[in-house]
N, C-alpha and C. Protein backbone atom coordinates (compact mmCIF):
# COMPACT_ATOMS: atom_id res chain seq x y z
N UNK A 1 8.79 8.02 -58.24
CA UNK A 1 7.88 7.25 -59.31
C UNK A 1 7.51 5.97 -58.71
N UNK A 2 6.55 5.12 -59.49
CA UNK A 2 5.83 4.20 -59.19
C UNK A 2 6.11 3.01 -60.07
N UNK A 3 6.94 2.35 -59.82
CA UNK A 3 7.09 1.56 -61.12
C UNK A 3 6.04 0.00 -61.12
N UNK A 4 5.32 0.35 -60.22
CA UNK A 4 4.57 -0.89 -60.16
C UNK A 4 3.04 -0.78 -60.86
N UNK A 5 2.30 -1.93 -61.25
CA UNK A 5 0.98 -1.92 -61.55
C UNK A 5 -0.16 -1.37 -60.77
N UNK A 6 0.47 -0.94 -59.59
CA UNK A 6 -0.87 -0.73 -58.35
C UNK A 6 -0.67 0.58 -57.87
N UNK A 7 -2.08 1.32 -57.77
CA UNK A 7 -1.52 2.58 -56.91
C UNK A 7 -1.21 2.72 -55.55
N UNK A 8 -0.45 3.57 -55.48
CA UNK A 8 0.47 4.14 -54.32
C UNK A 8 -0.24 5.21 -53.37
N UNK A 9 -0.99 4.22 -52.27
CA UNK A 9 -1.64 5.36 -51.38
C UNK A 9 -1.00 6.09 -50.48
N UNK A 10 -0.73 7.00 -50.34
CA UNK A 10 0.27 7.80 -49.36
C UNK A 10 -0.40 8.42 -48.30
N UNK A 11 0.19 7.87 -47.07
CA UNK A 11 -0.11 8.47 -46.08
C UNK A 11 0.26 10.09 -45.44
N UNK A 12 1.70 10.36 -45.91
CA UNK A 12 2.19 11.43 -45.70
C UNK A 12 3.42 10.87 -46.15
N UNK A 13 4.35 12.57 -46.34
CA UNK A 13 5.41 12.67 -46.98
C UNK A 13 6.34 14.11 -46.67
N UNK A 14 7.63 13.80 -45.54
CA UNK A 14 8.15 15.12 -45.25
C UNK A 14 9.37 15.04 -45.94
N UNK A 15 9.77 16.29 -46.26
CA UNK A 15 10.93 16.64 -47.12
C UNK A 15 12.02 17.34 -46.15
N UNK A 16 13.15 16.95 -45.65
CA UNK A 16 14.04 17.62 -44.61
C UNK A 16 13.08 18.19 -43.40
N UNK A 17 12.46 17.17 -43.21
CA UNK A 17 11.84 17.65 -41.80
C UNK A 17 10.21 18.46 -41.91
N UNK A 18 10.24 19.01 -43.33
CA UNK A 18 8.95 19.77 -43.45
C UNK A 18 7.94 18.90 -44.10
N UNK A 19 6.77 19.12 -43.74
CA UNK A 19 5.66 17.92 -44.16
C UNK A 19 5.23 18.51 -45.49
N UNK A 20 4.50 17.79 -46.39
CA UNK A 20 4.04 18.11 -47.78
C UNK A 20 2.59 17.78 -47.41
N UNK A 21 1.65 19.16 -47.81
CA UNK A 21 0.46 18.92 -47.80
C UNK A 21 -0.22 18.67 -49.16
N UNK A 22 -1.10 17.76 -49.27
CA UNK A 22 -1.53 16.83 -50.33
C UNK A 22 -2.98 17.88 -50.94
N UNK A 23 -3.03 17.98 -52.36
CA UNK A 23 -4.40 18.74 -52.83
C UNK A 23 -4.27 18.29 -54.04
N UNK A 24 -5.64 19.11 -54.61
CA UNK A 24 -5.75 18.78 -56.12
C UNK A 24 -4.32 18.34 -57.15
N UNK A 25 -3.49 19.20 -56.91
CA UNK A 25 -2.45 19.25 -57.77
C UNK A 25 -1.60 18.33 -57.20
N UNK A 26 -1.83 18.28 -55.70
CA UNK A 26 -0.60 17.45 -55.24
C UNK A 26 -1.20 16.06 -54.62
N UNK A 27 -2.01 15.37 -55.15
CA UNK A 27 -3.11 14.23 -54.38
C UNK A 27 -2.29 13.09 -53.69
N UNK A 28 -3.15 12.45 -53.03
CA UNK A 28 -2.18 11.42 -52.02
C UNK A 28 -2.18 9.79 -52.84
N UNK A 29 -2.55 10.10 -54.13
CA UNK A 29 -2.42 8.49 -54.75
C UNK A 29 -1.47 8.80 -56.17
N UNK A 30 -0.73 8.05 -56.12
CA UNK A 30 0.29 7.66 -57.09
C UNK A 30 0.03 6.86 -58.04
N UNK A 31 -0.43 7.06 -59.48
CA UNK A 31 -1.01 6.13 -60.26
C UNK A 31 0.23 4.94 -60.42
N UNK A 32 -0.40 3.95 -61.30
CA UNK A 32 0.22 3.15 -61.49
C UNK A 32 1.27 3.38 -62.88
N UNK A 33 2.86 2.62 -62.52
CA UNK A 33 3.67 3.45 -63.62
C UNK A 33 3.95 4.90 -63.68
N UNK A 34 3.34 5.65 -62.77
CA UNK A 34 3.24 6.92 -62.82
C UNK A 34 3.98 7.51 -61.77
N UNK A 35 4.08 8.84 -61.94
CA UNK A 35 5.15 9.82 -60.72
C UNK A 35 4.07 10.70 -60.48
N UNK A 36 4.27 11.21 -59.64
CA UNK A 36 3.64 12.51 -58.82
C UNK A 36 5.01 13.23 -58.29
N UNK A 37 4.74 15.07 -58.43
CA UNK A 37 5.98 16.03 -57.78
C UNK A 37 5.38 17.04 -56.65
N UNK A 38 6.38 16.80 -55.72
CA UNK A 38 5.62 17.24 -54.26
C UNK A 38 6.72 18.33 -54.10
N UNK A 39 6.30 19.50 -53.60
CA UNK A 39 7.24 20.40 -53.39
C UNK A 39 7.49 21.07 -51.98
N UNK A 40 8.23 21.49 -51.31
CA UNK A 40 8.40 21.72 -50.07
C UNK A 40 9.19 23.47 -49.57
N UNK A 41 8.98 23.67 -48.63
CA UNK A 41 9.90 24.96 -48.66
C UNK A 41 11.38 24.95 -48.12
N UNK A 42 11.83 23.64 -48.33
CA UNK A 42 13.11 23.32 -47.84
C UNK A 42 14.38 24.07 -49.01
N UNK A 43 15.21 24.08 -48.54
CA UNK A 43 16.01 24.49 -50.09
C UNK A 43 17.23 23.21 -49.97
N UNK A 44 17.12 22.41 -48.93
CA UNK A 44 18.77 21.40 -48.88
C UNK A 44 17.78 20.35 -49.57
N UNK A 45 16.45 20.01 -49.54
CA UNK A 45 16.15 18.33 -50.07
C UNK A 45 16.80 17.51 -50.19
N UNK A 46 17.30 16.57 -48.98
CA UNK A 46 18.27 15.66 -49.21
C UNK A 46 17.39 14.81 -48.22
N UNK A 47 16.71 14.60 -47.50
CA UNK A 47 16.31 13.77 -46.59
C UNK A 47 14.92 13.62 -47.01
N UNK A 48 14.04 12.45 -47.33
CA UNK A 48 12.78 12.17 -47.58
C UNK A 48 12.18 11.22 -46.74
N UNK A 49 11.18 11.49 -45.95
CA UNK A 49 10.49 10.29 -45.27
C UNK A 49 8.99 10.05 -45.96
N UNK A 50 8.57 9.02 -46.51
CA UNK A 50 7.18 8.95 -46.77
C UNK A 50 6.79 7.55 -46.38
N UNK A 51 5.45 7.69 -46.32
CA UNK A 51 4.50 6.76 -45.58
C UNK A 51 3.35 6.30 -46.21
N UNK A 52 3.13 5.01 -46.56
CA UNK A 52 2.35 4.72 -47.37
C UNK A 52 1.34 3.37 -46.53
N UNK A 53 0.38 3.77 -47.08
CA UNK A 53 -0.99 2.49 -46.51
C UNK A 53 -0.58 1.51 -47.65
N UNK A 54 -0.67 0.04 -46.79
CA UNK A 54 -0.47 -1.29 -47.20
C UNK A 54 -2.01 -1.68 -47.86
N UNK A 55 -2.26 -2.99 -48.34
CA UNK A 55 -3.13 -3.56 -48.74
C UNK A 55 -4.27 -3.64 -47.50
N UNK A 56 -3.27 -3.77 -46.40
CA UNK A 56 -4.00 -4.35 -44.97
C UNK A 56 -4.13 -2.97 -44.17
N UNK A 57 -3.99 -1.89 -44.53
CA UNK A 57 -4.64 -0.76 -43.85
C UNK A 57 -3.35 -0.39 -43.13
N UNK A 58 -2.48 -0.79 -42.88
CA UNK A 58 -1.21 -0.33 -42.32
C UNK A 58 -0.41 0.40 -42.95
N UNK A 59 -0.05 1.03 -41.86
CA UNK A 59 1.32 2.41 -42.34
C UNK A 59 2.32 1.92 -42.37
N UNK A 60 3.18 1.69 -43.28
CA UNK A 60 4.61 1.90 -43.63
C UNK A 60 5.14 2.61 -43.95
N UNK A 61 6.26 3.07 -42.91
CA UNK A 61 7.60 4.06 -43.13
C UNK A 61 8.62 4.21 -44.09
N UNK A 62 9.26 4.93 -44.80
CA UNK A 62 10.44 4.49 -45.47
C UNK A 62 11.10 5.82 -45.56
N UNK A 63 12.32 5.60 -45.43
CA UNK A 63 13.32 6.93 -45.59
C UNK A 63 14.51 6.88 -46.54
N UNK A 64 14.73 7.68 -47.59
CA UNK A 64 15.69 7.85 -48.49
C UNK A 64 16.28 9.02 -48.61
N UNK A 65 17.25 9.40 -49.06
CA UNK A 65 18.13 10.31 -49.47
C UNK A 65 18.17 10.77 -50.83
N UNK A 66 17.92 11.84 -51.33
CA UNK A 66 18.05 12.56 -52.46
C UNK A 66 19.71 12.98 -52.77
N UNK A 67 20.03 12.67 -54.10
CA UNK A 67 21.69 12.57 -53.94
C UNK A 67 21.86 13.94 -55.23
């Protein structure tokens, strides 16, 4: 979910080490105050790494865990 009034530009997502491919149904932009659902072949779905492009064009990497 994106709790901000800005678009989030995603560079990449990995769920349990499996890369998520972007498409028309799974775009690389998350709208302001919106959400996007991404799928994977993993059945564990515990570890998520996502990379965002900031306002300066730098890629920022974040890790989180799904509980």
